[in-house]
C-alpha atoms as a PDB file:
ATOM      1  CA  MET A   1      82.459 142.571 130.897  1.00  0.00           C
ATOM      2  CA  LEU A   2      82.228 146.508 132.631  1.00  0.00           C
ATOM      3  CA  ALA A   3      79.956 147.170 129.811  1.00  0.00           C
ATOM      4  CA  ASP A   4      77.404 144.480 130.377  1.00  0.00           C
ATOM      5  CA  TYR A   5      77.798 145.302 134.447  1.00  0.00           C
ATOM      6  CA  PHE A   6      76.812 148.910 133.558  1.00  0.00           C
ATOM      7  CA  GLY A   7      73.981 147.831 131.310  1.00  0.00           C
ATOM      8  CA  CYS A   8      72.321 145.257 133.857  1.00  0.00           C
ATOM      9  CA  LEU A   9      72.549 148.453 136.555  1.00  0.00           C
ATOM     10  CA  VAL A  10      70.797 150.651 134.233  1.00  0.00           C
ATOM     11  CA  ALA A  11      68.015 147.939 133.299  1.00  0.00           C
ATOM     12  CA  VAL A  12      67.492 147.105 136.807  1.00  0.00           C
ATOM     13  CA  SER A  13      67.080 150.938 137.490  1.00  0.00           C
ATOM     14  CA  LEU A  14      65.027 151.636 134.986  1.00  0.00           C
ATOM     15  CA  LEU A  15      62.314 148.642 136.122  1.00  0.00           C
ATOM     16  CA  LEU A  16      62.777 149.986 139.859  1.00  0.00           C
ATOM     17  CA  PHE A  17      61.769 153.468 138.667  1.00  0.00           C
ATOM     18  CA  VAL A  18      58.521 152.201 136.282  1.00  0.00           C
ATOM     19  CA  GLY A  19      57.608 149.881 139.391  1.00  0.00           C
ATOM     20  CA  CYS A  20      57.564 153.124 142.135  1.00  0.00           C
ATOM     21  CA  VAL A  21      55.544 155.075 139.390  1.00  0.00           C
ATOM     22  CA  VAL A  22      53.004 152.310 138.784  1.00  0.00           C
ATOM     23  CA  LEU A  23      52.808 151.819 142.595  1.00  0.00           C
ATOM     24  CA  VAL A  24      52.073 155.502 143.241  1.00  0.00           C
ATOM     25  CA  VAL A  25      49.364 155.647 140.772  1.00  0.00           C
ATOM     26  CA  VAL A  26      47.739 152.524 141.708  1.00  0.00           C
ATOM     27  CA  LEU A  27      47.551 153.450 145.389  1.00  0.00           C
ATOM     28  CA  VAL A  28      46.154 157.334 144.303  1.00  0.00           C
ATOM     29  CA  LYS A  29      43.673 155.564 142.455  1.00  0.00           C
ATOM     30  CA  ARG A  30      42.584 153.044 145.326  1.00  0.00           C
ATOM     31  CA  ASP A  31      42.524 155.754 147.583  1.00  0.00           C
ATOM     32  CA  LYS A  32      39.846 157.897 146.311  1.00  0.00           C
ATOM     33  CA  LYS A  33      36.406 157.048 147.664  1.00  0.00           C
ATOM     34  CA  PRO A  34      33.033 156.902 145.731  1.00  0.00           C
ATOM     35  CA  PRO A  35      30.854 159.879 145.651  1.00  0.00           C
ATOM     36  CA  VAL A  36      28.614 160.096 148.659  1.00  0.00           C
ATOM     37  CA  PRO A  37      24.615 160.288 147.581  1.00  0.00           C
ATOM     38  CA  VAL A  38      23.397 163.499 148.066  1.00  0.00           C
ATOM     39  CA  SER A  39      19.805 162.413 149.181  1.00  0.00           C
ATOM     40  CA  SER A  40      18.283 159.010 150.125  1.00  0.00           C
ATOM     41  CA  ALA A  41      15.016 157.774 151.288  1.00  0.00           C
ATOM     42  CA  LEU A  42      16.263 158.838 154.693  1.00  0.00           C
ATOM     43  CA  GLY A  43      16.811 162.259 153.787  1.00  0.00           C
ATOM     44  CA  PRO A  44      19.455 164.518 152.522  1.00  0.00           C
ATOM     45  CA  MET A  45      22.692 165.487 154.663  1.00  0.00           C
ATOM     46  CA  PRO A  46      22.063 166.802 157.787  1.00  0.00           C
ATOM     47  CA  GLY A  47      21.023 170.717 158.102  1.00  0.00           C
ATOM     48  CA  ALA A  48      20.032 170.571 154.310  1.00  0.00           C
ATOM     49  CA  THR A  49      16.935 171.844 152.936  1.00  0.00           C
ATOM     50  CA  GLY A  50      15.722 172.431 149.548  1.00  0.00           C
ATOM     51  CA  TRP A  51      14.786 170.206 146.330  1.00  0.00           C
ATOM     52  CA  PHE A  52      15.830 166.985 145.887  1.00  0.00           C
ATOM     53  CA  SER A  53      15.326 163.835 143.904  1.00  0.00           C
ATOM     54  CA  ASP A  54      11.940 161.944 144.595  1.00  0.00           C
ATOM     55  CA  PRO A  55      13.062 159.024 147.083  1.00  0.00           C
ATOM     56  CA  GLN A  56      10.270 157.283 146.014  1.00  0.00           C
ATOM     57  CA  ASN A  57      10.860 158.295 142.314  1.00  0.00           C
ATOM     58  CA  ARG A  58       7.347 159.523 141.751  1.00  0.00           C
ATOM     59  CA  HIS A  59       8.306 162.733 140.459  1.00  0.00           C
ATOM     60  CA  GLU A  60      11.313 164.425 139.714  1.00  0.00           C
ATOM     61  CA  LEU A  61      12.154 166.484 142.781  1.00  0.00           C
ATOM     62  CA  ARG A  62      10.135 166.505 146.379  1.00  0.00           C
ATOM     63  CA  TYR A  63      11.325 169.087 149.172  1.00  0.00           C
ATOM     64  CA  TRP A  64      13.290 168.298 152.222  1.00  0.00           C
ATOM     65  CA  ASP A  65      12.582 170.562 155.105  1.00  0.00           C
ATOM     66  CA  GLY A  66      15.849 169.507 157.180  1.00  0.00           C
ATOM     67  CA  HIS A  67      13.581 167.045 158.862  1.00  0.00           C
ATOM     68  CA  SER A  68      11.633 164.999 156.618  1.00  0.00           C
ATOM     69  CA  TRP A  69      10.247 164.712 153.085  1.00  0.00           C
ATOM     70  CA  THR A  70       7.203 167.165 152.753  1.00  0.00           C
ATOM     71  CA  ALA A  71       3.817 166.859 150.168  1.00  0.00           C
ATOM     72  CA  ALA A  72       5.686 169.455 147.811  1.00  0.00           C
ATOM     73  CA  VAL A  73       6.808 167.971 144.581  1.00  0.00           C
ATOM     74  CA  SER A  74       7.796 169.366 141.222  1.00  0.00           C
ATOM     75  CA  ASP A  75       8.400 167.910 137.667  1.00  0.00           C
ATOM     76  CA  ALA A  76       9.263 169.785 134.700  1.00  0.00           C
ATOM     77  CA  GLY A  77       9.685 172.894 137.065  1.00  0.00           C
ATOM     78  CA  VAL A  78       5.860 172.657 137.749  1.00  0.00           C
ATOM     79  CA  GLN A  79       5.205 172.486 141.624  1.00  0.00           C
ATOM     80  CA  SER A  80       2.220 170.472 143.247  1.00  0.00           C
ATOM     81  CA  GLN A  81       1.403 168.711 146.218  1.00  0.00           C
ATOM     82  CA  ASP A  82       1.530 164.853 146.419  1.00  0.00           C
ATOM     83  CA  PRO A  83       1.488 163.393 150.199  1.00  0.00           C
ATOM     84  CA  LEU A  84       3.938 160.419 150.553  1.00  0.00           C
END
């Protein structure tokens, strides 16, 4: 009788432990936020300047001067001009 009680106690303890581990894993995975895009049609993050993916997808890269997209574009490392 005592062995049955001890066996049930071990089983319940094990189930509670596994449940807590699963809960922690689920909460940690759910708390991760998706990556923030570096650039968009409105522009990169505030204060950033440099080459970013062309928002119109006409070229590989387009230069962002910190305020707006410029006519400077780049394809395969070759720079040229293409007004928006």
